[in-house]
PDB file of N, CA and C in Angstrom:
ATOM      1  N   MET A   1       0.852  -1.170  -0.003  1.00  0.00           N
ATOM      2  CA  MET A   1       0.000   0.002  -0.004  1.00  0.00           C
ATOM      3  C   MET A   1       0.893   1.225   0.001  1.00  0.00           C
ATOM      4  N   SER A   2       0.670   2.062  -0.946  1.00  0.00           N
ATOM      5  CA  SER A   2       1.491   3.249  -1.051  1.00  0.00           C
ATOM      6  C   SER A   2       0.598   4.471  -1.262  1.00  0.00           C
ATOM      7  N   ILE A   3       0.630   5.359  -0.280  1.00  0.00           N
ATOM      8  CA  ILE A   3      -0.159   6.576  -0.333  1.00  0.00           C
ATOM      9  C   ILE A   3       0.762   7.747  -0.081  1.00  0.00           C
ATOM     10  N   GLU A   4       0.619   8.782  -0.900  1.00  0.00           N
ATOM     11  CA  GLU A   4       1.373  10.021  -0.715  1.00  0.00           C
ATOM     12  C   GLU A   4       0.381  11.147  -0.457  1.00  0.00           C
ATOM     13  N   ILE A   5       0.626  11.917   0.608  1.00  0.00           N
ATOM     14  CA  ILE A   5      -0.243  13.034   0.949  1.00  0.00           C
ATOM     15  C   ILE A   5       0.558  14.314   0.851  1.00  0.00           C
ATOM     16  N   GLU A   6       0.026  15.261   0.087  1.00  0.00           N
ATOM     17  CA  GLU A   6       0.647  16.570  -0.070  1.00  0.00           C
ATOM     18  C   GLU A   6      -0.313  17.634   0.434  1.00  0.00           C
ATOM     19  N   VAL A   7       0.241  18.622   1.140  1.00  0.00           N
ATOM     20  CA  VAL A   7      -0.572  19.704   1.668  1.00  0.00           C
ATOM     21  C   VAL A   7       0.077  21.019   1.281  1.00  0.00           C
ATOM     22  N   THR A   8      -0.708  21.907   0.687  1.00  0.00           N
ATOM     23  CA  THR A   8      -0.245  23.257   0.394  1.00  0.00           C
ATOM     24  C   THR A   8      -1.090  24.225   1.210  1.00  0.00           C
ATOM     25  N   ASP A   9      -0.899  25.503   0.992  1.00  0.00           N
ATOM     26  CA  ASP A   9      -1.700  26.509   1.702  1.00  0.00           C
ATOM     27  C   ASP A   9      -3.166  26.448   1.313  1.00  0.00           C
ATOM     28  N   THR A  10      -3.462  25.870   0.147  1.00  0.00           N
ATOM     29  CA  THR A  10      -4.846  25.889  -0.341  1.00  0.00           C
ATOM     30  C   THR A  10      -5.440  24.521  -0.646  1.00  0.00           C
ATOM     31  N   GLU A  11      -4.596  23.472  -0.749  1.00  0.00           N
ATOM     32  CA  GLU A  11      -5.114  22.166  -1.184  1.00  0.00           C
ATOM     33  C   GLU A  11      -4.533  20.999  -0.381  1.00  0.00           C
ATOM     34  N   LEU A  12      -5.318  19.948  -0.332  1.00  0.00           N
ATOM     35  CA  LEU A  12      -4.873  18.655   0.177  1.00  0.00           C
ATOM     36  C   LEU A  12      -4.959  17.670  -0.993  1.00  0.00           C
ATOM     37  N   SER A  13      -3.854  17.004  -1.282  1.00  0.00           N
ATOM     38  CA  SER A  13      -3.830  16.012  -2.363  1.00  0.00           C
ATOM     39  C   SER A  13      -3.464  14.662  -1.780  1.00  0.00           C
ATOM     40  N   VAL A  14      -4.191  13.640  -2.193  1.00  0.00           N
ATOM     41  CA  VAL A  14      -3.929  12.261  -1.791  1.00  0.00           C
ATOM     42  C   VAL A  14      -3.718  11.466  -3.073  1.00  0.00           C
ATOM     43  N   HIS A  15      -2.568  10.809  -3.166  1.00  0.00           N
ATOM     44  CA  HIS A  15      -2.217   9.996  -4.335  1.00  0.00           C
ATOM     45  C   HIS A  15      -2.081   8.552  -3.905  1.00  0.00           C
ATOM     46  N   LEU A  16      -2.853   7.661  -4.515  1.00  0.00           N
ATOM     47  CA  LEU A  16      -2.723   6.227  -4.306  1.00  0.00           C
ATOM     48  C   LEU A  16      -1.809   5.720  -5.404  1.00  0.00           C
ATOM     49  N   LYS A  17      -0.680   5.181  -5.039  1.00  0.00           N
ATOM     50  CA  LYS A  17       0.339   4.771  -6.011  1.00  0.00           C
ATOM     51  C   LYS A  17       0.190   3.306  -6.405  1.00  0.00           C
ATOM     52  N   GLY A  18       0.618   2.992  -7.609  1.00  0.00           N
ATOM     53  CA  GLY A  18       0.665   1.613  -8.089  1.00  0.00           C
ATOM     54  C   GLY A  18      -0.696   0.951  -8.136  1.00  0.00           C
ATOM     55  N   ILE A  19      -0.745  -0.288  -7.680  1.00  0.00           N
ATOM     56  CA  ILE A  19      -1.977  -1.075  -7.708  1.00  0.00           C
ATOM     57  C   ILE A  19      -3.016  -0.512  -6.766  1.00  0.00           C
ATOM     58  N   SER A  20      -2.585   0.315  -5.831  1.00  0.00           N
ATOM     59  CA  SER A  20      -3.508   0.899  -4.833  1.00  0.00           C
ATOM     60  C   SER A  20      -4.696   1.573  -5.494  1.00  0.00           C
ATOM     61  N   GLY A  21      -4.421   2.411  -6.476  1.00  0.00           N
ATOM     62  CA  GLY A  21      -5.494   3.137  -7.150  1.00  0.00           C
ATOM     63  C   GLY A  21      -6.443   2.223  -7.887  1.00  0.00           C
ATOM     64  N   ALA A  22      -5.911   1.172  -8.487  1.00  0.00           N
ATOM     65  CA  ALA A  22      -6.762   0.233  -9.220  1.00  0.00           C
ATOM     66  C   ALA A  22      -7.699  -0.501  -8.278  1.00  0.00           C
ATOM     67  N   LEU A  23      -7.201  -0.918  -7.136  1.00  0.00           N
ATOM     68  CA  LEU A  23      -8.048  -1.634  -6.172  1.00  0.00           C
ATOM     69  C   LEU A  23      -9.134  -0.729  -5.600  1.00  0.00           C
ATOM     70  N   ALA A  24      -8.808   0.531  -5.395  1.00  0.00           N
ATOM     71  CA  ALA A  24      -9.762   1.472  -4.827  1.00  0.00           C
ATOM     72  C   ALA A  24     -10.644   2.106  -5.901  1.00  0.00           C
ATOM     73  N   MET A  25     -10.310   1.888  -7.168  1.00  0.00           N
ATOM     74  CA  MET A  25     -11.031   2.462  -8.295  1.00  0.00           C
ATOM     75  C   MET A  25     -10.951   3.995  -8.327  1.00  0.00           C
ATOM     76  N   LYS A  26      -9.949   4.523  -7.645  1.00  0.00           N
ATOM     77  CA  LYS A  26      -9.686   5.968  -7.641  1.00  0.00           C
ATOM     78  C   LYS A  26      -8.223   6.133  -7.252  1.00  0.00           C
ATOM     79  N   SER A  27      -7.492   6.964  -7.961  1.00  0.00           N
ATOM     80  CA  SER A  27      -6.071   7.071  -7.674  1.00  0.00           C
ATOM     81  C   SER A  27      -5.640   8.430  -7.142  1.00  0.00           C
ATOM     82  N   HIS A  28      -6.536   9.403  -7.137  1.00  0.00           N
ATOM     83  CA  HIS A  28      -6.103  10.744  -6.748  1.00  0.00           C
ATOM     84  C   HIS A  28      -7.270  11.585  -6.248  1.00  0.00           C
ATOM     85  N   PHE A  29      -7.020  12.325  -5.188  1.00  0.00           N
ATOM     86  CA  PHE A  29      -7.959  13.340  -4.684  1.00  0.00           C
ATOM     87  C   PHE A  29      -7.215  14.661  -4.607  1.00  0.00           C
ATOM     88  N   THR A  30      -7.831  15.729  -5.011  1.00  0.00           N
ATOM     89  CA  THR A  30      -7.335  17.065  -4.719  1.00  0.00           C
ATOM     90  C   THR A  30      -8.528  17.842  -4.167  1.00  0.00           C
ATOM     91  N   LEU A  31      -8.391  18.288  -2.932  1.00  0.00           N
ATOM     92  CA  LEU A  31      -9.490  18.945  -2.223  1.00  0.00           C
ATOM     93  C   LEU A  31      -9.056  20.309  -1.718  1.00  0.00           C
ATOM     94  N   PRO A  32      -9.969  21.268  -1.703  1.00  0.00           N
ATOM     95  CA  PRO A  32      -9.628  22.553  -1.099  1.00  0.00           C
ATOM     96  C   PRO A  32      -9.349  22.367   0.391  1.00  0.00           C
ATOM     97  N   LEU A  33      -8.276  22.951   0.885  1.00  0.00           N
ATOM     98  CA  LEU A  33      -7.949  22.820   2.298  1.00  0.00           C
ATOM     99  C   LEU A  33      -9.072  23.383   3.168  1.00  0.00           C
ATOM    100  N   ALA A  34      -9.821  24.341   2.655  1.00  0.00           N
ATOM    101  CA  ALA A  34     -10.944  24.907   3.392  1.00  0.00           C
ATOM    102  C   ALA A  34     -12.041  23.878   3.663  1.00  0.00           C
ATOM    103  N   ASP A  35     -12.096  22.797   2.875  1.00  0.00           N
ATOM    104  CA  ASP A  35     -13.105  21.752   3.067  1.00  0.00           C
ATOM    105  C   ASP A  35     -12.639  20.650   4.030  1.00  0.00           C
ATOM    106  N   VAL A  36     -11.414  20.774   4.516  1.00  0.00           N
ATOM    107  CA  VAL A  36     -10.895  19.794   5.479  1.00  0.00           C
ATOM    108  C   VAL A  36     -11.246  20.275   6.879  1.00  0.00           C
ATOM    109  N   ALA A  37     -12.112  19.508   7.564  1.00  0.00           N
ATOM    110  CA  ALA A  37     -12.534  19.879   8.916  1.00  0.00           C
ATOM    111  C   ALA A  37     -11.468  19.529   9.947  1.00  0.00           C
ATOM    112  N   GLY A  38     -10.650  18.532   9.658  1.00  0.00           N
ATOM    113  CA  GLY A  38      -9.589  18.139  10.572  1.00  0.00           C
ATOM    114  C   GLY A  38      -9.107  16.748  10.253  1.00  0.00           C
ATOM    115  N   ALA A  39      -7.985  16.391  10.874  1.00  0.00           N
ATOM    116  CA  ALA A  39      -7.400  15.067  10.689  1.00  0.00           C
ATOM    117  C   ALA A  39      -7.019  14.523  12.061  1.00  0.00           C
ATOM    118  N   GLN A  40      -7.183  13.220  12.210  1.00  0.00           N
ATOM    119  CA  GLN A  40      -6.853  12.584  13.483  1.00  0.00           C
ATOM    120  C   GLN A  40      -6.432  11.138  13.243  1.00  0.00           C
ATOM    121  N   VAL A  41      -5.814  10.577  14.267  1.00  0.00           N
ATOM    122  CA  VAL A  41      -5.455   9.169  14.240  1.00  0.00           C
ATOM    123  C   VAL A  41      -6.501   8.424  15.050  1.00  0.00           C
ATOM    124  N   MET A  42      -7.003   7.337  14.488  1.00  0.00           N
ATOM    125  CA  MET A  42      -7.974   6.500  15.190  1.00  0.00           C
ATOM    126  C   MET A  42      -7.565   5.041  15.101  1.00  0.00           C
ATOM    127  N   ALA A  43      -7.885   4.287  16.134  1.00  0.00           N
ATOM    128  CA  ALA A  43      -7.747   2.835  16.048  1.00  0.00           C
ATOM    129  C   ALA A  43      -8.748   2.373  14.996  1.00  0.00           C
ATOM    130  N   ILE A  44      -8.379   1.365  14.244  1.00  0.00           N
ATOM    131  CA  ILE A  44      -9.240   0.905  13.162  1.00  0.00           C
ATOM    132  C   ILE A  44     -10.619   0.527  13.657  1.00  0.00           C
ATOM    133  N   ASP A  45     -10.703  -0.099  14.831  1.00  0.00           N
ATOM    134  CA  ASP A  45     -12.010  -0.484  15.365  1.00  0.00           C
ATOM    135  C   ASP A  45     -12.855   0.733  15.697  1.00  0.00           C
ATOM    136  N   ASP A  46     -12.227   1.825  16.170  1.00  0.00           N
ATOM    137  CA  ASP A  46     -12.956   3.051  16.447  1.00  0.00           C
ATOM    138  C   ASP A  46     -13.448   3.714  15.168  1.00  0.00           C
ATOM    139  N   ALA A  47     -12.660   3.626  14.117  1.00  0.00           N
ATOM    140  CA  ALA A  47     -13.069   4.213  12.831  1.00  0.00           C
ATOM    141  C   ALA A  47     -14.287   3.497  12.279  1.00  0.00           C
ATOM    142  N   LYS A  48     -14.411   2.210  12.589  1.00  0.00           N
ATOM    143  CA  LYS A  48     -15.540   1.421  12.107  1.00  0.00           C
ATOM    144  C   LYS A  48     -16.746   1.490  13.040  1.00  0.00           C
ATOM    145  N   THR A  49     -16.545   1.858  14.292  1.00  0.00           N
ATOM    146  CA  THR A  49     -17.623   1.831  15.283  1.00  0.00           C
ATOM    147  C   THR A  49     -18.805   2.673  14.854  1.00  0.00           C
ATOM    148  N   GLY A  50     -19.958   2.065  14.911  1.00  0.00           N
ATOM    149  CA  GLY A  50     -21.186   2.771  14.576  1.00  0.00           C
ATOM    150  C   GLY A  50     -21.383   2.996  13.098  1.00  0.00           C
ATOM    151  N   GLU A  51     -20.456   2.541  12.304  1.00  0.00           N
ATOM    152  CA  GLU A  51     -20.539   2.753  10.857  1.00  0.00           C
ATOM    153  C   GLU A  51     -20.909   1.445  10.177  1.00  0.00           C
ATOM    154  N   HIS A  52     -22.137   1.282   9.846  1.00  0.00           N
ATOM    155  CA  HIS A  52     -22.535   0.120   9.074  1.00  0.00           C
ATOM    156  C   HIS A  52     -22.299   0.449   7.608  1.00  0.00           C
ATOM    157  N   MET A  53     -21.253  -0.087   7.068  1.00  0.00           N
ATOM    158  CA  MET A  53     -20.905   0.194   5.675  1.00  0.00           C
ATOM    159  C   MET A  53     -21.715  -0.720   4.777  1.00  0.00           C
ATOM    160  N   SER A  54     -22.600  -0.130   4.030  1.00  0.00           N
ATOM    161  CA  SER A  54     -23.457  -0.938   3.172  1.00  0.00           C
ATOM    162  C   SER A  54     -22.896  -0.996   1.758  1.00  0.00           C
ATOM    163  N   ALA A  55     -23.277  -0.055   0.945  1.00  0.00           N
ATOM    164  CA  ALA A  55     -22.887  -0.096  -0.455  1.00  0.00           C
ATOM    165  C   ALA A  55     -21.396   0.181  -0.623  1.00  0.00           C
ATOM    166  N   LYS A  56     -20.821  -0.471  -1.577  1.00  0.00           N
ATOM    167  CA  LYS A  56     -19.458  -0.144  -1.969  1.00  0.00           C
ATOM    168  C   LYS A  56     -19.489   0.064  -3.472  1.00  0.00           C
ATOM    169  N   PHE A  57     -19.287   1.261  -3.881  1.00  0.00           N
ATOM    170  CA  PHE A  57     -19.346   1.546  -5.308  1.00  0.00           C
ATOM    171  C   PHE A  57     -18.527   2.778  -5.641  1.00  0.00           C
ATOM    172  N   PRO A  58     -17.510   2.716  -6.377  1.00  0.00           N
ATOM    173  CA  PRO A  58     -16.808   1.485  -6.655  1.00  0.00           C
ATOM    174  C   PRO A  58     -15.866   1.165  -5.505  1.00  0.00           C
ATOM    175  N   GLY A  59     -15.506  -0.074  -5.362  1.00  0.00           N
ATOM    176  CA  GLY A  59     -14.586  -0.431  -4.299  1.00  0.00           C
ATOM    177  C   GLY A  59     -14.365  -1.923  -4.182  1.00  0.00           C
ATOM    178  N   THR A  60     -13.461  -2.261  -3.287  1.00  0.00           N
ATOM    179  CA  THR A  60     -13.104  -3.646  -3.024  1.00  0.00           C
ATOM    180  C   THR A  60     -13.123  -3.844  -1.515  1.00  0.00           C
ATOM    181  N   ARG A  61     -13.725  -4.924  -1.042  1.00  0.00           N
ATOM    182  CA  ARG A  61     -13.768  -5.195   0.381  1.00  0.00           C
ATOM    183  C   ARG A  61     -13.630  -6.681   0.633  1.00  0.00           C
ATOM    184  N   ILE A  62     -12.671  -7.020   1.502  1.00  0.00           N
ATOM    185  CA  ILE A  62     -12.528  -8.367   2.017  1.00  0.00           C
ATOM    186  C   ILE A  62     -12.673  -8.197   3.524  1.00  0.00           C
ATOM    187  N   PRO A  63     -13.814  -8.551   4.106  1.00  0.00           N
ATOM    188  CA  PRO A  63     -14.093  -8.268   5.517  1.00  0.00           C
ATOM    189  C   PRO A  63     -12.948  -8.704   6.445  1.00  0.00           C
ATOM    190  N   GLY A  64     -12.556  -7.754   7.292  1.00  0.00           N
ATOM    191  CA  GLY A  64     -11.498  -8.022   8.258  1.00  0.00           C
ATOM    192  C   GLY A  64     -10.093  -7.978   7.685  1.00  0.00           C
ATOM    193  N   VAL A  65      -9.985  -7.778   6.365  1.00  0.00           N
ATOM    194  CA  VAL A  65      -8.663  -7.817   5.736  1.00  0.00           C
ATOM    195  C   VAL A  65      -8.354  -6.544   4.963  1.00  0.00           C
ATOM    196  N   PHE A  66      -9.296  -6.085   4.143  1.00  0.00           N
ATOM    197  CA  PHE A  66      -8.970  -5.014   3.207  1.00  0.00           C
ATOM    198  C   PHE A  66     -10.218  -4.225   2.829  1.00  0.00           C
ATOM    199  N   TRP A  67     -10.126  -2.911   2.882  1.00  0.00           N
ATOM    200  CA  TRP A  67     -11.180  -2.011   2.436  1.00  0.00           C
ATOM    201  C   TRP A  67     -10.543  -1.003   1.477  1.00  0.00           C
ATOM    202  N   ALA A  68     -11.063  -0.890   0.282  1.00  0.00           N
ATOM    203  CA  ALA A  68     -10.535   0.087  -0.663  1.00  0.00           C
ATOM    204  C   ALA A  68     -11.655   0.611  -1.541  1.00  0.00           C
ATOM    205  N   GLY A  69     -11.887   1.921  -1.467  1.00  0.00           N
ATOM    206  CA  GLY A  69     -12.871   2.539  -2.331  1.00  0.00           C
ATOM    207  C   GLY A  69     -13.951   3.287  -1.590  1.00  0.00           C
ATOM    208  N   SER A  70     -15.074   3.467  -2.248  1.00  0.00           N
ATOM    209  CA  SER A  70     -16.197   4.262  -1.741  1.00  0.00           C
ATOM    210  C   SER A  70     -17.175   3.372  -1.007  1.00  0.00           C
ATOM    211  N   PHE A  71     -17.511   3.771   0.212  1.00  0.00           N
ATOM    212  CA  PHE A  71     -18.455   3.006   1.027  1.00  0.00           C
ATOM    213  C   PHE A  71     -19.480   3.963   1.598  1.00  0.00           C
ATOM    214  N   ARG A  72     -20.703   3.501   1.663  1.00  0.00           N
ATOM    215  CA  ARG A  72     -21.800   4.312   2.202  1.00  0.00           C
ATOM    216  C   ARG A  72     -22.040   3.894   3.639  1.00  0.00           C
ATOM    217  N   SER A  73     -22.017   4.864   4.547  1.00  0.00           N
ATOM    218  CA  SER A  73     -22.391   4.604   5.932  1.00  0.00           C
ATOM    219  C   SER A  73     -23.853   5.011   6.074  1.00  0.00           C
ATOM    220  N   ALA A  74     -24.319   5.175   7.275  1.00  0.00           N
ATOM    221  CA  ALA A  74     -25.739   5.484   7.503  1.00  0.00           C
ATOM    222  C   ALA A  74     -26.208   6.708   6.713  1.00  0.00           C
ATOM    223  N   ASP A  75     -25.420   7.759   6.694  1.00  0.00           N
ATOM    224  CA  ASP A  75     -25.886   9.001   6.058  1.00  0.00           C
ATOM    225  C   ASP A  75     -24.824   9.712   5.222  1.00  0.00           C
ATOM    226  N   SER A  76     -23.731   9.046   4.932  1.00  0.00           N
ATOM    227  CA  SER A  76     -22.686   9.724   4.168  1.00  0.00           C
ATOM    228  C   SER A  76     -21.800   8.715   3.441  1.00  0.00           C
ATOM    229  N   TRP A  77     -21.053   9.232   2.492  1.00  0.00           N
ATOM    230  CA  TRP A  77     -20.054   8.431   1.787  1.00  0.00           C
ATOM    231  C   TRP A  77     -18.706   8.608   2.445  1.00  0.00           C
ATOM    232  N   GLN A  78     -17.952   7.526   2.487  1.00  0.00           N
ATOM    233  CA  GLN A  78     -16.600   7.549   3.020  1.00  0.00           C
ATOM    234  C   GLN A  78     -15.690   6.856   2.012  1.00  0.00           C
ATOM    235  N   PHE A  79     -14.441   7.313   1.953  1.00  0.00           N
ATOM    236  CA  PHE A  79     -13.449   6.656   1.124  1.00  0.00           C
ATOM    237  C   PHE A  79     -12.460   5.972   2.052  1.00  0.00           C
ATOM    238  N   TRP A  80     -12.292   4.659   1.878  1.00  0.00           N
ATOM    239  CA  TRP A  80     -11.397   3.869   2.710  1.00  0.00           C
ATOM    240  C   TRP A  80     -10.281   3.273   1.866  1.00  0.00           C
ATOM    241  N   TYR A  81      -9.073   3.304   2.411  1.00  0.00           N
ATOM    242  CA  TYR A  81      -7.968   2.534   1.845  1.00  0.00           C
ATOM    243  C   TYR A  81      -7.142   2.015   3.013  1.00  0.00           C
ATOM    244  N   VAL A  82      -7.533   0.836   3.495  1.00  0.00           N
ATOM    245  CA  VAL A  82      -6.958   0.257   4.698  1.00  0.00           C
ATOM    246  C   VAL A  82      -6.812  -1.245   4.505  1.00  0.00           C
ATOM    247  N   ALA A  83      -5.659  -1.768   4.882  1.00  0.00           N
ATOM    248  CA  ALA A  83      -5.475  -3.228   4.895  1.00  0.00           C
ATOM    249  C   ALA A  83      -5.559  -3.684   6.349  1.00  0.00           C
ATOM    250  N   ARG A  84      -4.476  -3.983   6.946  1.00  0.00           N
ATOM    251  CA  ARG A  84      -4.485  -4.534   8.304  1.00  0.00           C
ATOM    252  C   ARG A  84      -3.858  -3.590   9.320  1.00  0.00           C
ATOM    253  N   ALA A  85      -4.105  -2.323   9.191  1.00  0.00           N
ATOM    254  CA  ALA A  85      -3.510  -1.337  10.105  1.00  0.00           C
ATOM    255  C   ALA A  85      -4.202  -1.363  11.460  1.00  0.00           C
ATOM    256  N   ASP A  86      -3.433  -1.112  12.505  1.00  0.00           N
ATOM    257  CA  ASP A  86      -4.014  -0.954  13.833  1.00  0.00           C
ATOM    258  C   ASP A  86      -4.590   0.463  13.987  1.00  0.00           C
ATOM    259  N   ASN A  87      -3.849   1.446  13.461  1.00  0.00           N
ATOM    260  CA  ASN A  87      -4.245   2.847  13.532  1.00  0.00           C
ATOM    261  C   ASN A  87      -4.307   3.428  12.133  1.00  0.00           C
ATOM    262  N   VAL A  88      -5.274   4.279  11.910  1.00  0.00           N
ATOM    263  CA  VAL A  88      -5.473   4.868  10.584  1.00  0.00           C
ATOM    264  C   VAL A  88      -5.560   6.388  10.687  1.00  0.00           C
ATOM    265  N   LEU A  89      -5.292   7.037   9.567  1.00  0.00           N
ATOM    266  CA  LEU A  89      -5.477   8.477   9.434  1.00  0.00           C
ATOM    267  C   LEU A  89      -6.913   8.715   8.993  1.00  0.00           C
ATOM    268  N   VAL A  90      -7.637   9.533   9.747  1.00  0.00           N
ATOM    269  CA  VAL A  90      -9.012   9.877   9.415  1.00  0.00           C
ATOM    270  C   VAL A  90      -9.048  11.359   9.103  1.00  0.00           C
ATOM    271  N   ILE A  91      -9.475  11.697   7.896  1.00  0.00           N
ATOM    272  CA  ILE A  91      -9.588  13.094   7.463  1.00  0.00           C
ATOM    273  C   ILE A  91     -11.071  13.379   7.294  1.00  0.00           C
ATOM    274  N   ASP A  92     -11.604  14.275   8.129  1.00  0.00           N
ATOM    275  CA  ASP A  92     -13.009  14.660   8.039  1.00  0.00           C
ATOM    276  C   ASP A  92     -13.152  15.827   7.083  1.00  0.00           C
ATOM    277  N   LEU A  93     -14.175  15.749   6.238  1.00  0.00           N
ATOM    278  CA  LEU A  93     -14.383  16.746   5.189  1.00  0.00           C
ATOM    279  C   LEU A  93     -15.751  17.388   5.290  1.00  0.00           C
ATOM    280  N   GLU A  94     -15.854  18.591   4.757  1.00  0.00           N
ATOM    281  CA  GLU A  94     -17.122  19.310   4.637  1.00  0.00           C
ATOM    282  C   GLU A  94     -17.298  19.724   3.185  1.00  0.00           C
ATOM    283  N   HIS A  95     -18.541  19.756   2.708  1.00  0.00           N
ATOM    284  CA  HIS A  95     -18.863  20.244   1.362  1.00  0.00           C
ATOM    285  C   HIS A  95     -18.237  19.404   0.259  1.00  0.00           C
ATOM    286  N   GLU A  96     -17.991  18.124   0.519  1.00  0.00           N
ATOM    287  CA  GLU A  96     -17.398  17.218  -0.466  1.00  0.00           C
ATOM    288  C   GLU A  96     -18.275  15.986  -0.601  1.00  0.00           C
ATOM    289  N   LYS A  97     -18.063  15.220  -1.667  1.00  0.00           N
ATOM    290  CA  LYS A  97     -18.804  13.966  -1.844  1.00  0.00           C
ATOM    291  C   LYS A  97     -18.583  13.044  -0.644  1.00  0.00           C
ATOM    292  N   TYR A  98     -17.335  12.945  -0.214  1.00  0.00           N
ATOM    293  CA  TYR A  98     -16.996  12.081   0.925  1.00  0.00           C
ATOM    294  C   TYR A  98     -16.974  12.915   2.199  1.00  0.00           C
ATOM    295  N   ALA A  99     -17.591  12.385   3.251  1.00  0.00           N
ATOM    296  CA  ALA A  99     -17.538  13.029   4.557  1.00  0.00           C
ATOM    297  C   ALA A  99     -16.244  12.692   5.288  1.00  0.00           C
ATOM    298  N   ARG A 100     -15.616  11.590   4.854  1.00  0.00           N
ATOM    299  CA  ARG A 100     -14.429  11.128   5.579  1.00  0.00           C
ATOM    300  C   ARG A 100     -13.542  10.315   4.646  1.00  0.00           C
ATOM    301  N   LEU A 101     -12.239  10.519   4.786  1.00  0.00           N
ATOM    302  CA  LEU A 101     -11.238   9.663   4.156  1.00  0.00           C
ATOM    303  C   LEU A 101     -10.573   8.878   5.281  1.00  0.00           C
ATOM    304  N   VAL A 102     -10.500   7.574   5.129  1.00  0.00           N
ATOM    305  CA  VAL A 102      -9.851   6.712   6.131  1.00  0.00           C
ATOM    306  C   VAL A 102      -8.717   6.007   5.417  1.00  0.00           C
ATOM    307  N   LEU A 103      -7.476   6.305   5.826  1.00  0.00           N
ATOM    308  CA  LEU A 103      -6.312   5.885   5.071  1.00  0.00           C
ATOM    309  C   LEU A 103      -5.278   5.204   5.957  1.00  0.00           C
ATOM    310  N   GLU A 104      -4.667   4.163   5.430  1.00  0.00           N
ATOM    311  CA  GLU A 104      -3.537   3.528   6.100  1.00  0.00           C
ATOM    312  C   GLU A 104      -2.275   4.166   5.542  1.00  0.00           C
ATOM    313  N   VAL A 105      -1.520   4.812   6.421  1.00  0.00           N
ATOM    314  CA  VAL A 105      -0.258   5.441   6.058  1.00  0.00           C
ATOM    315  C   VAL A 105       0.792   4.995   7.080  1.00  0.00           C
ATOM    316  N   PRO A 106       2.075   5.067   6.715  1.00  0.00           N
ATOM    317  CA  PRO A 106       3.118   4.591   7.634  1.00  0.00           C
ATOM    318  C   PRO A 106       3.141   5.325   8.981  1.00  0.00           C
ATOM    319  N   ASP A 107       2.928   6.641   8.967  1.00  0.00           N
ATOM    320  CA  ASP A 107       2.959   7.425  10.208  1.00  0.00           C
ATOM    321  C   ASP A 107       1.714   8.309  10.267  1.00  0.00           C
ATOM    322  N   PRO A 108       0.589   7.756  10.714  1.00  0.00           N
ATOM    323  CA  PRO A 108      -0.655   8.537  10.688  1.00  0.00           C
ATOM    324  C   PRO A 108      -0.598   9.803  11.553  1.00  0.00           C
ATOM    325  N   GLN A 109       0.129   9.774  12.668  1.00  0.00           N
ATOM    326  CA  GLN A 109       0.202  10.970  13.507  1.00  0.00           C
ATOM    327  C   GLN A 109       0.940  12.109  12.812  1.00  0.00           C
ATOM    328  N   ALA A 110       2.030  11.790  12.132  1.00  0.00           N
ATOM    329  CA  ALA A 110       2.766  12.817  11.392  1.00  0.00           C
ATOM    330  C   ALA A 110       1.904  13.422  10.295  1.00  0.00           C
ATOM    331  N   GLU A 111       1.144  12.598   9.604  1.00  0.00           N
ATOM    332  CA  GLU A 111       0.283  13.100   8.528  1.00  0.00           C
ATOM    333  C   GLU A 111      -0.855  13.955   9.104  1.00  0.00           C
ATOM    334  N   ALA A 112      -1.441  13.522  10.209  1.00  0.00           N
ATOM    335  CA  ALA A 112      -2.500  14.319  10.845  1.00  0.00           C
ATOM    336  C   ALA A 112      -1.954  15.667  11.308  1.00  0.00           C
ATOM    337  N   ASP A 113      -0.772  15.651  11.901  1.00  0.00           N
ATOM    338  CA  ASP A 113      -0.155  16.899  12.355  1.00  0.00           C
ATOM    339  C   ASP A 113       0.114  17.832  11.177  1.00  0.00           C
ATOM    340  N   LYS A 114       0.604  17.282  10.075  1.00  0.00           N
ATOM    341  CA  LYS A 114       0.901  18.088   8.876  1.00  0.00           C
ATOM    342  C   LYS A 114      -0.369  18.728   8.334  1.00  0.00           C
ATOM    343  N   ILE A 115      -1.445  17.971   8.277  1.00  0.00           N
ATOM    344  CA  ILE A 115      -2.715  18.481   7.738  1.00  0.00           C
ATOM    345  C   ILE A 115      -3.274  19.549   8.673  1.00  0.00           C
ATOM    346  N   ASN A 116      -3.316  19.260   9.959  1.00  0.00           N
ATOM    347  CA  ASN A 116      -3.883  20.211  10.922  1.00  0.00           C
ATOM    348  C   ASN A 116      -3.064  21.492  11.018  1.00  0.00           C
ATOM    349  N   ALA A 117      -1.744  21.391  10.892  1.00  0.00           N
ATOM    350  CA  ALA A 117      -0.893  22.597  10.915  1.00  0.00           C
ATOM    351  C   ALA A 117      -1.175  23.480   9.697  1.00  0.00           C
ATOM    352  N   ALA A 118      -1.413  22.867   8.544  1.00  0.00           N
ATOM    353  CA  ALA A 118      -1.705  23.640   7.332  1.00  0.00           C
ATOM    354  C   ALA A 118      -3.049  24.361   7.444  1.00  0.00           C
ATOM    355  N   ARG A 119      -3.974  23.788   8.191  1.00  0.00           N
ATOM    356  CA  ARG A 119      -5.295  24.395   8.377  1.00  0.00           C
ATOM    357  C   ARG A 119      -5.258  25.598   9.318  1.00  0.00           C
ATOM    358  N   SER A 120      -4.251  25.665  10.165  1.00  0.00           N
ATOM    359  CA  SER A 120      -4.170  26.735  11.187  1.00  0.00           C
ATOM    360  C   SER A 120      -3.791  28.070  10.602  1.00  0.00           C
TER     361      SER A 120
END
């Protein structure tokens, strides 16, 4: 799994590299930084708590092993790209198709700090 996150003064970009984008059926996001409500690190079980993920379109899911793509929760769409991580980066969004991006990255705390610092 290879994800690159770039943050500028005005944008947040997420790039899924290699096979990652094909599995998730999406390889790139560029979002206005103003639409990022915040970023945090969550345990994978907490990220899933209370979220009954029904539809996946487009996406790939192997329960308990791998989530990649667009998933519908009770009232919003979320984009997940997670394999077997204990902790994930959760980026909450406003005014976007997805209410939340849930991503497995090597250092989720560093990425959350980078995103939140850019928002300040």
